[in-house]
C-alpha atoms as a PDB file:
ATOM      1  CA  UNK A   1      90.190 -46.383  47.412  1.00  0.00           C
ATOM      2  CA  UNK A   2      92.429 -49.469  48.342  1.00  0.00           C
ATOM      3  CA  UNK A   3      91.497 -52.869  47.862  1.00  0.00           C
ATOM      4  CA  UNK A   4      90.228 -53.715  51.321  1.00  0.00           C
ATOM      5  CA  UNK A   5      88.004 -50.559  51.369  1.00  0.00           C
ATOM      6  CA  UNK A   6      86.520 -51.707  47.955  1.00  0.00           C
ATOM      7  CA  UNK A   7      86.108 -55.419  48.790  1.00  0.00           C
ATOM      8  CA  UNK A   8      85.366 -55.349  52.454  1.00  0.00           C
ATOM      9  CA  UNK A   9      84.157 -52.077  54.121  1.00  0.00           C
ATOM     10  CA  UNK A  10      81.877 -50.772  51.325  1.00  0.00           C
ATOM     11  CA  UNK A  11      80.102 -53.946  50.569  1.00  0.00           C
ATOM     12  CA  UNK A  12      79.490 -54.322  54.340  1.00  0.00           C
ATOM     13  CA  UNK A  13      78.067 -50.860  54.652  1.00  0.00           C
ATOM     14  CA  UNK A  14      75.766 -51.365  51.573  1.00  0.00           C
ATOM     15  CA  UNK A  15      74.522 -54.594  52.961  1.00  0.00           C
ATOM     16  CA  UNK A  16      73.775 -53.359  56.440  1.00  0.00           C
ATOM     17  CA  UNK A  17      72.118 -50.345  55.066  1.00  0.00           C
ATOM     18  CA  UNK A  18      70.104 -52.197  52.676  1.00  0.00           C
ATOM     19  CA  UNK A  19      68.890 -54.737  55.147  1.00  0.00           C
ATOM     20  CA  UNK A  20      68.094 -52.135  57.695  1.00  0.00           C
ATOM     21  CA  UNK A  21      66.051 -50.073  55.073  1.00  0.00           C
ATOM     22  CA  UNK A  22      64.059 -53.241  54.083  1.00  0.00           C
ATOM     23  CA  UNK A  23      63.161 -53.786  57.748  1.00  0.00           C
ATOM     24  CA  UNK A  24      62.271 -50.137  58.246  1.00  0.00           C
ATOM     25  CA  UNK A  25      59.866 -50.359  55.137  1.00  0.00           C
ATOM     26  CA  UNK A  26      58.467 -53.531  56.407  1.00  0.00           C
ATOM     27  CA  UNK A  27      58.188 -52.170  60.009  1.00  0.00           C
ATOM     28  CA  UNK A  28      59.846 -55.256  61.497  1.00  0.00           C
ATOM     29  CA  UNK A  29      62.416 -55.987  64.032  1.00  0.00           C
ATOM     30  CA  UNK A  30      63.208 -52.302  65.488  1.00  0.00           C
ATOM     31  CA  UNK A  31      66.071 -53.765  67.532  1.00  0.00           C
ATOM     32  CA  UNK A  32      67.674 -55.304  64.716  1.00  0.00           C
ATOM     33  CA  UNK A  33      67.216 -52.184  62.624  1.00  0.00           C
ATOM     34  CA  UNK A  34      69.333 -50.265  65.359  1.00  0.00           C
ATOM     35  CA  UNK A  35      71.975 -52.983  65.368  1.00  0.00           C
ATOM     36  CA  UNK A  36      72.385 -52.823  61.598  1.00  0.00           C
ATOM     37  CA  UNK A  37      72.571 -49.058  61.836  1.00  0.00           C
ATOM     38  CA  UNK A  38      75.267 -49.438  64.510  1.00  0.00           C
ATOM     39  CA  UNK A  39      77.155 -51.977  62.371  1.00  0.00           C
ATOM     40  CA  UNK A  40      77.046 -49.737  59.498  1.00  0.00           C
ATOM     41  CA  UNK A  41      78.500 -46.829  61.326  1.00  0.00           C
ATOM     42  CA  UNK A  42      81.326 -49.287  62.751  1.00  0.00           C
ATOM     43  CA  UNK A  43      82.152 -50.340  59.204  1.00  0.00           C
ATOM     44  CA  UNK A  44      82.056 -46.676  57.885  1.00  0.00           C
ATOM     45  CA  UNK A  45      84.511 -45.614  60.748  1.00  0.00           C
ATOM     46  CA  UNK A  46      86.693 -48.634  59.524  1.00  0.00           C
ATOM     47  CA  UNK A  47      86.758 -47.352  56.102  1.00  0.00           C
ATOM     48  CA  UNK A  48      87.466 -43.760  56.899  1.00  0.00           C
ATOM     49  CA  UNK A  49      90.364 -44.966  59.035  1.00  0.00           C
ATOM     50  CA  UNK A  50      91.606 -46.939  56.152  1.00  0.00           C
ATOM     51  CA  UNK A  51      91.405 -44.059  53.820  1.00  0.00           C
ATOM     52  CA  UNK A  52      92.504 -41.397  56.362  1.00  0.00           C
ATOM     53  CA  UNK A  53      95.639 -40.489  54.413  1.00  0.00           C
ATOM     54  CA  UNK A  54      93.533 -39.649  51.522  1.00  0.00           C
ATOM     55  CA  UNK A  55      90.955 -37.453  53.136  1.00  0.00           C
ATOM     56  CA  UNK A  56      90.875 -33.646  52.586  1.00  0.00           C
ATOM     57  CA  UNK A  57      91.837 -31.283  55.420  1.00  0.00           C
ATOM     58  CA  UNK A  58      87.955 -30.294  55.693  1.00  0.00           C
ATOM     59  CA  UNK A  59      86.874 -33.875  55.930  1.00  0.00           C
ATOM     60  CA  UNK A  60      89.415 -34.769  58.629  1.00  0.00           C
ATOM     61  CA  UNK A  61      88.817 -31.694  60.660  1.00  0.00           C
ATOM     62  CA  UNK A  62      85.067 -31.129  60.281  1.00  0.00           C
ATOM     63  CA  UNK A  63      82.881 -33.723  58.558  1.00  0.00           C
ATOM     64  CA  UNK A  64      84.513 -36.901  60.373  1.00  0.00           C
ATOM     65  CA  UNK A  65      84.528 -35.305  63.853  1.00  0.00           C
ATOM     66  CA  UNK A  66      81.147 -34.204  63.355  1.00  0.00           C
ATOM     67  CA  UNK A  67      80.121 -37.573  62.359  1.00  0.00           C
ATOM     68  CA  UNK A  68      81.709 -39.017  65.411  1.00  0.00           C
ATOM     69  CA  UNK A  69      79.623 -36.668  67.537  1.00  0.00           C
ATOM     70  CA  UNK A  70      76.411 -37.522  65.601  1.00  0.00           C
ATOM     71  CA  UNK A  71      77.243 -41.333  66.047  1.00  0.00           C
ATOM     72  CA  UNK A  72      77.559 -40.842  69.962  1.00  0.00           C
ATOM     73  CA  UNK A  73      74.197 -39.069  69.901  1.00  0.00           C
ATOM     74  CA  UNK A  74      72.716 -42.063  67.993  1.00  0.00           C
ATOM     75  CA  UNK A  75      74.173 -44.411  70.441  1.00  0.00           C
ATOM     76  CA  UNK A  76      72.787 -42.502  73.209  1.00  0.00           C
ATOM     77  CA  UNK A  77      69.256 -42.826  71.648  1.00  0.00           C
ATOM     78  CA  UNK A  78      69.855 -46.506  71.274  1.00  0.00           C
ATOM     79  CA  UNK A  79      70.667 -46.872  74.897  1.00  0.00           C
ATOM     80  CA  UNK A  80      67.635 -44.648  75.726  1.00  0.00           C
ATOM     81  CA  UNK A  81      65.307 -47.077  74.084  1.00  0.00           C
ATOM     82  CA  UNK A  82      66.331 -49.667  76.546  1.00  0.00           C
ATOM     83  CA  UNK A  83      66.017 -47.490  79.584  1.00  0.00           C
ATOM     84  CA  UNK A  84      62.888 -45.674  79.040  1.00  0.00           C
ATOM     85  CA  UNK A  85      60.382 -48.498  79.341  1.00  0.00           C
ATOM     86  CA  UNK A  86      57.323 -48.407  77.159  1.00  0.00           C
ATOM     87  CA  UNK A  87      58.589 -45.192  75.528  1.00  0.00           C
ATOM     88  CA  UNK A  88      60.522 -44.956  72.502  1.00  0.00           C
ATOM     89  CA  UNK A  89      62.918 -41.946  71.880  1.00  0.00           C
ATOM     90  CA  UNK A  90      60.893 -40.914  68.817  1.00  0.00           C
ATOM     91  CA  UNK A  91      57.949 -40.496  71.152  1.00  0.00           C
ATOM     92  CA  UNK A  92      59.763 -37.935  73.346  1.00  0.00           C
ATOM     93  CA  UNK A  93      60.883 -36.092  70.207  1.00  0.00           C
ATOM     94  CA  UNK A  94      57.390 -35.925  68.646  1.00  0.00           C
ATOM     95  CA  UNK A  95      55.735 -35.066  72.132  1.00  0.00           C
ATOM     96  CA  UNK A  96      58.234 -32.476  73.037  1.00  0.00           C
ATOM     97  CA  UNK A  97      58.240 -30.999  69.514  1.00  0.00           C
ATOM     98  CA  UNK A  98      54.425 -30.600  69.288  1.00  0.00           C
ATOM     99  CA  UNK A  99      53.833 -29.686  73.087  1.00  0.00           C
ATOM    100  CA  UNK A 100      57.131 -28.435  74.441  1.00  0.00           C
ATOM    101  CA  UNK A 101      55.197 -26.778  77.244  1.00  0.00           C
ATOM    102  CA  UNK A 102      54.832 -30.290  78.676  1.00  0.00           C
ATOM    103  CA  UNK A 103      58.279 -29.985  80.000  1.00  0.00           C
ATOM    104  CA  UNK A 104      56.989 -27.620  82.612  1.00  0.00           C
ATOM    105  CA  UNK A 105      54.038 -29.747  83.857  1.00  0.00           C
ATOM    106  CA  UNK A 106      54.276 -31.870  87.056  1.00  0.00           C
ATOM    107  CA  UNK A 107      52.917 -34.935  85.295  1.00  0.00           C
ATOM    108  CA  UNK A 108      55.498 -34.924  82.614  1.00  0.00           C
ATOM    109  CA  UNK A 109      58.352 -36.392  84.486  1.00  0.00           C
ATOM    110  CA  UNK A 110      59.504 -38.982  81.754  1.00  0.00           C
ATOM    111  CA  UNK A 111      59.711 -36.054  79.357  1.00  0.00           C
ATOM    112  CA  UNK A 112      61.705 -33.867  81.671  1.00  0.00           C
ATOM    113  CA  UNK A 113      64.055 -36.905  82.479  1.00  0.00           C
ATOM    114  CA  UNK A 114      64.638 -37.578  78.885  1.00  0.00           C
ATOM    115  CA  UNK A 115      65.275 -34.105  77.845  1.00  0.00           C
ATOM    116  CA  UNK A 116      67.691 -33.401  80.791  1.00  0.00           C
ATOM    117  CA  UNK A 117      69.446 -36.542  79.978  1.00  0.00           C
ATOM    118  CA  UNK A 118      69.717 -35.333  76.310  1.00  0.00           C
ATOM    119  CA  UNK A 119      71.107 -31.863  77.342  1.00  0.00           C
ATOM    120  CA  UNK A 120      73.780 -33.534  79.555  1.00  0.00           C
ATOM    121  CA  UNK A 121      74.685 -35.882  76.958  1.00  0.00           C
ATOM    122  CA  UNK A 122      75.361 -32.977  74.520  1.00  0.00           C
ATOM    123  CA  UNK A 123      78.403 -32.046  76.709  1.00  0.00           C
ATOM    124  CA  UNK A 124      80.069 -35.474  75.880  1.00  0.00           C
ATOM    125  CA  UNK A 125      79.098 -35.148  72.211  1.00  0.00           C
ATOM    126  CA  UNK A 126      80.519 -31.561  72.071  1.00  0.00           C
ATOM    127  CA  UNK A 127      83.856 -32.598  73.613  1.00  0.00           C
ATOM    128  CA  UNK A 128      84.091 -35.627  71.259  1.00  0.00           C
ATOM    129  CA  UNK A 129      83.614 -33.569  68.138  1.00  0.00           C
ATOM    130  CA  UNK A 130      85.798 -30.767  69.307  1.00  0.00           C
ATOM    131  CA  UNK A 131      88.563 -33.061  70.428  1.00  0.00           C
ATOM    132  CA  UNK A 132      88.829 -35.002  67.246  1.00  0.00           C
ATOM    133  CA  UNK A 133      88.523 -31.833  65.152  1.00  0.00           C
ATOM    134  CA  UNK A 134      91.451 -30.248  67.172  1.00  0.00           C
ATOM    135  CA  UNK A 135      93.509 -33.490  66.784  1.00  0.00           C
ATOM    136  CA  UNK A 136      93.028 -33.026  63.030  1.00  0.00           C
ATOM    137  CA  UNK A 137      94.125 -29.539  63.095  1.00  0.00           C
ATOM    138  CA  UNK A 138      90.773 -27.911  62.604  1.00  0.00           C
ATOM    139  CA  UNK A 139      90.187 -24.335  63.133  1.00  0.00           C
ATOM    140  CA  UNK A 140      88.145 -22.962  66.047  1.00  0.00           C
ATOM    141  CA  UNK A 141      85.218 -22.608  63.835  1.00  0.00           C
ATOM    142  CA  UNK A 142      85.485 -26.094  62.686  1.00  0.00           C
ATOM    143  CA  UNK A 143      85.737 -27.628  66.188  1.00  0.00           C
ATOM    144  CA  UNK A 144      82.715 -25.501  67.304  1.00  0.00           C
ATOM    145  CA  UNK A 145      80.793 -26.761  64.466  1.00  0.00           C
ATOM    146  CA  UNK A 146      81.883 -30.420  64.749  1.00  0.00           C
ATOM    147  CA  UNK A 147      81.166 -30.389  68.566  1.00  0.00           C
ATOM    148  CA  UNK A 148      77.608 -29.109  68.123  1.00  0.00           C
ATOM    149  CA  UNK A 149      76.837 -31.171  64.934  1.00  0.00           C
ATOM    150  CA  UNK A 150      73.838 -33.225  66.542  1.00  0.00           C
ATOM    151  CA  UNK A 151      72.223 -30.056  67.611  1.00  0.00           C
ATOM    152  CA  UNK A 152      72.758 -28.384  64.176  1.00  0.00           C
ATOM    153  CA  UNK A 153      71.477 -31.594  62.440  1.00  0.00           C
ATOM    154  CA  UNK A 154      68.330 -31.730  64.678  1.00  0.00           C
ATOM    155  CA  UNK A 155      67.773 -27.969  64.285  1.00  0.00           C
ATOM    156  CA  UNK A 156      67.757 -28.519  60.606  1.00  0.00           C
ATOM    157  CA  UNK A 157      65.187 -31.429  60.946  1.00  0.00           C
ATOM    158  CA  UNK A 158      62.988 -29.481  63.376  1.00  0.00           C
ATOM    159  CA  UNK A 159      63.118 -26.625  60.970  1.00  0.00           C
ATOM    160  CA  UNK A 160      61.280 -28.757  58.397  1.00  0.00           C
ATOM    161  CA  UNK A 161      59.498 -31.392  60.615  1.00  0.00           C
ATOM    162  CA  UNK A 162      58.275 -29.233  63.393  1.00  0.00           C
ATOM    163  CA  UNK A 163      56.327 -26.828  61.074  1.00  0.00           C
ATOM    164  CA  UNK A 164      54.924 -29.929  59.116  1.00  0.00           C
ATOM    165  CA  UNK A 165      53.965 -31.768  62.231  1.00  0.00           C
ATOM    166  CA  UNK A 166      52.536 -28.553  63.555  1.00  0.00           C
ATOM    167  CA  UNK A 167      50.205 -28.017  60.619  1.00  0.00           C
ATOM    168  CA  UNK A 168      49.116 -31.703  60.659  1.00  0.00           C
ATOM    169  CA  UNK A 169      48.228 -31.579  64.307  1.00  0.00           C
ATOM    170  CA  UNK A 170      47.216 -27.928  64.365  1.00  0.00           C
ATOM    171  CA  UNK A 171      43.794 -28.530  65.937  1.00  0.00           C
ATOM    172  CA  UNK A 172      45.283 -30.395  69.001  1.00  0.00           C
ATOM    173  CA  UNK A 173      47.951 -27.804  69.536  1.00  0.00           C
ATOM    174  CA  UNK A 174      45.555 -24.867  69.448  1.00  0.00           C
ATOM    175  CA  UNK A 175      43.304 -26.689  71.820  1.00  0.00           C
ATOM    176  CA  UNK A 176      45.867 -26.055  74.517  1.00  0.00           C
ATOM    177  CA  UNK A 177      45.312 -22.442  75.633  1.00  0.00           C
ATOM    178  CA  UNK A 178      48.335 -22.301  77.920  1.00  0.00           C
ATOM    179  CA  UNK A 179      50.477 -20.619  75.118  1.00  0.00           C
ATOM    180  CA  UNK A 180      49.619 -18.475  72.076  1.00  0.00           C
ATOM    181  CA  UNK A 181      49.243 -20.447  68.767  1.00  0.00           C
ATOM    182  CA  UNK A 182      52.782 -19.520  67.533  1.00  0.00           C
ATOM    183  CA  UNK A 183      54.532 -20.433  70.980  1.00  0.00           C
ATOM    184  CA  UNK A 184      54.696 -24.363  70.600  1.00  0.00           C
ATOM    185  CA  UNK A 185      56.348 -23.957  67.165  1.00  0.00           C
ATOM    186  CA  UNK A 186      59.039 -21.560  68.358  1.00  0.00           C
ATOM    187  CA  UNK A 187      59.577 -23.630  71.633  1.00  0.00           C
ATOM    188  CA  UNK A 188      59.987 -26.789  69.703  1.00  0.00           C
ATOM    189  CA  UNK A 189      62.724 -25.452  67.592  1.00  0.00           C
ATOM    190  CA  UNK A 190      64.284 -23.823  70.625  1.00  0.00           C
ATOM    191  CA  UNK A 191      64.268 -26.950  72.898  1.00  0.00           C
ATOM    192  CA  UNK A 192      65.970 -29.111  70.230  1.00  0.00           C
ATOM    193  CA  UNK A 193      68.244 -26.588  68.587  1.00  0.00           C
ATOM    194  CA  UNK A 194      69.432 -23.914  70.940  1.00  0.00           C
ATOM    195  CA  UNK A 195      69.364 -25.605  74.300  1.00  0.00           C
ATOM    196  CA  UNK A 196      71.429 -28.704  73.145  1.00  0.00           C
ATOM    197  CA  UNK A 197      73.846 -26.348  71.077  1.00  0.00           C
ATOM    198  CA  UNK A 198      74.751 -24.368  74.304  1.00  0.00           C
ATOM    199  CA  UNK A 199      75.459 -27.532  76.342  1.00  0.00           C
ATOM    200  CA  UNK A 200      77.425 -28.923  73.416  1.00  0.00           C
ATOM    201  CA  UNK A 201      79.573 -25.902  73.306  1.00  0.00           C
ATOM    202  CA  UNK A 202      80.216 -26.315  77.014  1.00  0.00           C
ATOM    203  CA  UNK A 203      81.749 -29.735  76.212  1.00  0.00           C
ATOM    204  CA  UNK A 204      83.707 -28.377  73.260  1.00  0.00           C
ATOM    205  CA  UNK A 205      85.008 -25.317  75.327  1.00  0.00           C
ATOM    206  CA  UNK A 206      88.084 -27.136  76.781  1.00  0.00           C
ATOM    207  CA  UNK A 207      89.299 -27.931  73.106  1.00  0.00           C
ATOM    208  CA  UNK A 208      88.745 -24.572  71.503  1.00  0.00           C
ATOM    209  CA  UNK A 209      92.290 -23.314  72.149  1.00  0.00           C
ATOM    210  CA  UNK A 210      94.540 -24.513  69.470  1.00  0.00           C
ATOM    211  CA  UNK A 211      97.909 -25.684  70.505  1.00  0.00           C
ATOM    212  CA  UNK A 212     100.831 -24.138  68.675  1.00  0.00           C
ATOM    213  CA  UNK A 213     102.227 -27.396  67.226  1.00  0.00           C
ATOM    214  CA  UNK A 214      99.026 -28.106  65.283  1.00  0.00           C
ATOM    215  CA  UNK A 215      98.891 -26.932  61.597  1.00  0.00           C
ATOM    216  CA  UNK A 216      95.935 -24.739  60.395  1.00  0.00           C
ATOM    217  CA  UNK A 217      93.476 -26.205  58.054  1.00  0.00           C
ATOM    218  CA  UNK A 218      90.493 -25.127  56.218  1.00  0.00           C
ATOM    219  CA  UNK A 219      87.156 -25.141  58.097  1.00  0.00           C
END
């Protein structure tokens, strides 16, 4: 690492992360927590740009573009927190994960609006990830993975969090006779993993053709 990265970017990232972590454990100032997270992401971008000539081909063509796509998803959730009135994005994730059938009900307009906006936003996230991956010479597989990075991460989280939440709230889930007992679990993983991944690929599609002048790199 060069001197600026070691004396400016990394200490700034560590400070913002530590302050945000303390506020998270204290359950104080949720808005400031998000601002600190954004500041940490901005500093991390600066440090990566500073060290771009030292990054491996895989980092340049997959991890960094995927990180850009994931950050865009985080900024979307930050904005959704202001526009959703009394609801927090975590409420929608929890509600839809435990009761995905709520999306089909007439009295679930806030849930449907949030989920539709999330799906449409995936097109932008997918385009960002695939664009920066192609710019770095990423293979088609790398561009697909970078574009669908938020969906992949959330799918992984759902694969762990949804079963745990389902077991904790099993009595309330089983009380709803609209679907078999296993259906909410399967739908919870589907709506956060498969659906967003499909729309992310729509955004990535224009950037999947590799121009002839770009070198091939490892995925």
